[in-house]
N, C-alpha and C. Protein backbone atom coordinates (compact mmCIF):
# COMPACT_ATOMS: atom_id res chain seq x y z
N MET A 1 -8.93 -0.36 -1.35
CA MET A 1 -8.53 -1.55 -0.65
C MET A 1 -9.36 -1.77 0.61
N VAL A 2 -9.61 -0.70 1.32
CA VAL A 2 -10.39 -0.84 2.56
C VAL A 2 -11.80 -1.29 2.23
N LYS A 3 -12.34 -0.76 1.15
CA LYS A 3 -13.69 -1.17 0.73
C LYS A 3 -13.71 -2.66 0.39
N ARG A 4 -12.68 -3.13 -0.31
CA ARG A 4 -12.59 -4.56 -0.63
C ARG A 4 -12.48 -5.39 0.64
N LEU A 5 -11.69 -4.92 1.58
CA LEU A 5 -11.52 -5.62 2.85
C LEU A 5 -12.84 -5.68 3.61
N TYR A 6 -13.54 -4.56 3.63
CA TYR A 6 -14.81 -4.49 4.36
C TYR A 6 -15.87 -5.38 3.72
N ASN A 7 -15.97 -5.31 2.40
CA ASN A 7 -17.01 -6.07 1.69
C ASN A 7 -16.71 -7.56 1.58
N ASN A 8 -15.43 -7.90 1.53
CA ASN A 8 -15.02 -9.31 1.37
C ASN A 8 -13.85 -9.62 2.29
N PRO A 9 -14.07 -9.75 3.57
CA PRO A 9 -12.96 -9.95 4.51
C PRO A 9 -12.13 -11.21 4.22
N GLU A 10 -12.74 -12.21 3.62
CA GLU A 10 -11.99 -13.43 3.32
C GLU A 10 -10.99 -13.23 2.18
N GLU A 11 -11.19 -12.20 1.38
CA GLU A 11 -10.31 -11.92 0.24
C GLU A 11 -8.95 -11.38 0.69
N VAL A 12 -8.87 -10.88 1.88
CA VAL A 12 -7.66 -10.21 2.35
C VAL A 12 -6.45 -11.14 2.39
N THR A 13 -6.66 -12.42 2.50
CA THR A 13 -5.53 -13.35 2.57
C THR A 13 -5.14 -13.94 1.22
N THR A 14 -5.80 -13.51 0.15
CA THR A 14 -5.48 -14.03 -1.18
C THR A 14 -4.22 -13.37 -1.73
N GLU A 15 -3.55 -14.08 -2.61
CA GLU A 15 -2.34 -13.54 -3.25
C GLU A 15 -2.66 -12.30 -4.07
N SER A 16 -3.81 -12.28 -4.70
CA SER A 16 -4.22 -11.13 -5.50
C SER A 16 -4.30 -9.87 -4.65
N PHE A 17 -4.93 -9.98 -3.49
CA PHE A 17 -5.05 -8.82 -2.61
C PHE A 17 -3.68 -8.41 -2.09
N LYS A 18 -2.86 -9.38 -1.71
CA LYS A 18 -1.51 -9.08 -1.21
C LYS A 18 -0.69 -8.35 -2.26
N ASN A 19 -0.78 -8.78 -3.51
CA ASN A 19 -0.05 -8.11 -4.59
C ASN A 19 -0.57 -6.70 -4.83
N THR A 20 -1.88 -6.52 -4.74
CA THR A 20 -2.46 -5.19 -4.89
C THR A 20 -1.93 -4.25 -3.82
N VAL A 21 -1.91 -4.71 -2.59
CA VAL A 21 -1.41 -3.88 -1.49
C VAL A 21 0.07 -3.58 -1.69
N LYS A 22 0.84 -4.59 -1.98
CA LYS A 22 2.29 -4.42 -2.15
C LYS A 22 2.61 -3.41 -3.25
N ASN A 23 1.87 -3.46 -4.34
CA ASN A 23 2.12 -2.57 -5.47
C ASN A 23 1.52 -1.18 -5.29
N SER A 24 0.78 -0.97 -4.23
CA SER A 24 0.13 0.32 -4.00
C SER A 24 1.00 1.31 -3.22
N PHE A 25 2.11 0.84 -2.70
CA PHE A 25 2.95 1.70 -1.87
C PHE A 25 4.34 1.84 -2.47
N GLU A 26 4.85 3.07 -2.43
CA GLU A 26 6.23 3.35 -2.82
C GLU A 26 6.93 3.85 -1.57
N TRP A 27 7.93 3.10 -1.13
CA TRP A 27 8.58 3.43 0.13
C TRP A 27 9.83 4.27 -0.06
N THR A 28 10.03 5.16 0.91
CA THR A 28 11.28 5.90 1.01
C THR A 28 11.93 5.45 2.31
N ASN A 29 12.96 6.13 2.70
CA ASN A 29 13.63 5.84 3.97
C ASN A 29 12.64 5.99 5.12
N ALA A 30 12.70 5.11 6.11
CA ALA A 30 11.76 5.14 7.24
C ALA A 30 11.76 6.48 7.96
N LYS A 31 12.90 7.15 7.99
CA LYS A 31 12.98 8.45 8.66
C LYS A 31 12.22 9.53 7.89
N ARG A 32 12.02 9.30 6.60
CA ARG A 32 11.33 10.29 5.78
C ARG A 32 9.90 9.89 5.45
N GLU A 33 9.55 8.65 5.70
CA GLU A 33 8.21 8.15 5.36
C GLU A 33 7.18 8.67 6.34
N ASP A 34 5.98 8.89 5.85
CA ASP A 34 4.87 9.34 6.68
C ASP A 34 4.44 8.21 7.61
N ILE A 35 4.43 8.46 8.90
CA ILE A 35 4.10 7.43 9.89
C ILE A 35 2.67 6.92 9.70
N PHE A 36 1.78 7.75 9.23
CA PHE A 36 0.40 7.31 9.00
C PHE A 36 0.32 6.33 7.82
N VAL A 37 1.10 6.57 6.80
CA VAL A 37 1.15 5.65 5.66
C VAL A 37 1.71 4.31 6.11
N MET A 38 2.78 4.37 6.88
CA MET A 38 3.38 3.13 7.38
C MET A 38 2.41 2.38 8.29
N SER A 39 1.69 3.11 9.12
CA SER A 39 0.72 2.48 10.03
C SER A 39 -0.44 1.86 9.26
N PHE A 40 -0.91 2.55 8.23
CA PHE A 40 -1.99 2.01 7.41
C PHE A 40 -1.54 0.73 6.72
N TYR A 41 -0.34 0.76 6.14
CA TYR A 41 0.19 -0.43 5.50
C TYR A 41 0.34 -1.57 6.51
N ALA A 42 0.84 -1.25 7.69
CA ALA A 42 1.00 -2.28 8.73
C ALA A 42 -0.35 -2.86 9.14
N TRP A 43 -1.36 -2.02 9.21
CA TRP A 43 -2.70 -2.50 9.55
C TRP A 43 -3.19 -3.48 8.48
N LEU A 44 -3.04 -3.11 7.20
CA LEU A 44 -3.44 -4.00 6.12
C LEU A 44 -2.64 -5.30 6.15
N LYS A 45 -1.33 -5.15 6.34
CA LYS A 45 -0.47 -6.34 6.36
C LYS A 45 -0.83 -7.27 7.52
N SER A 46 -1.17 -6.70 8.66
CA SER A 46 -1.55 -7.54 9.80
C SER A 46 -2.83 -8.31 9.50
N LYS A 47 -3.74 -7.70 8.75
CA LYS A 47 -4.96 -8.40 8.34
C LYS A 47 -4.64 -9.52 7.35
N MET A 48 -3.70 -9.26 6.44
CA MET A 48 -3.35 -10.24 5.42
C MET A 48 -2.61 -11.44 6.01
N THR A 49 -1.75 -11.17 6.97
CA THR A 49 -0.91 -12.23 7.54
C THR A 49 -1.45 -12.79 8.84
N LYS A 50 -2.52 -12.17 9.33
CA LYS A 50 -3.14 -12.59 10.60
C LYS A 50 -2.13 -12.57 11.75
N THR A 51 -1.40 -11.46 11.82
CA THR A 51 -0.43 -11.24 12.89
C THR A 51 -0.85 -10.01 13.69
N PRO A 52 -0.36 -9.86 14.92
CA PRO A 52 -0.72 -8.69 15.73
C PRO A 52 -0.26 -7.39 15.06
N ILE A 53 -1.10 -6.38 15.11
CA ILE A 53 -0.79 -5.12 14.44
C ILE A 53 0.45 -4.44 15.03
N TYR A 54 0.64 -4.54 16.33
CA TYR A 54 1.81 -3.89 16.94
C TYR A 54 3.10 -4.50 16.41
N LYS A 55 3.19 -5.81 16.40
CA LYS A 55 4.38 -6.48 15.90
C LYS A 55 4.58 -6.18 14.41
N THR A 56 3.51 -6.20 13.66
CA THR A 56 3.59 -5.92 12.23
C THR A 56 4.07 -4.49 11.98
N THR A 57 3.58 -3.54 12.76
CA THR A 57 4.01 -2.15 12.62
C THR A 57 5.50 -2.01 12.90
N LEU A 58 5.97 -2.64 13.96
CA LEU A 58 7.39 -2.59 14.27
C LEU A 58 8.23 -3.22 13.16
N ASP A 59 7.76 -4.32 12.60
CA ASP A 59 8.47 -4.97 11.49
C ASP A 59 8.52 -4.06 10.26
N VAL A 60 7.42 -3.39 9.96
CA VAL A 60 7.39 -2.48 8.81
C VAL A 60 8.39 -1.34 9.01
N ILE A 61 8.42 -0.78 10.20
CA ILE A 61 9.36 0.31 10.49
C ILE A 61 10.80 -0.19 10.38
N LYS A 62 11.06 -1.36 10.93
CA LYS A 62 12.41 -1.93 10.90
C LYS A 62 12.85 -2.23 9.48
N ASP A 63 11.94 -2.73 8.65
CA ASP A 63 12.28 -3.13 7.28
C ASP A 63 12.46 -1.94 6.34
N ASN A 64 11.99 -0.78 6.75
CA ASN A 64 12.12 0.40 5.88
C ASN A 64 13.13 1.28 6.43
């Protein structure tokens, strides 16, 4: 995914890329989830939605 993002930054906002990212993660309870995995997902999501990474990270933690 990172390679796709790097090579084609405009692709990150497509539905295809969003579905690929969404289907690449299996979530557990936020207290048991790896913070680095959550942060990586939040970073990708912030790129896809064009939102600040800090806010996106907090939303990911809250939603899980």
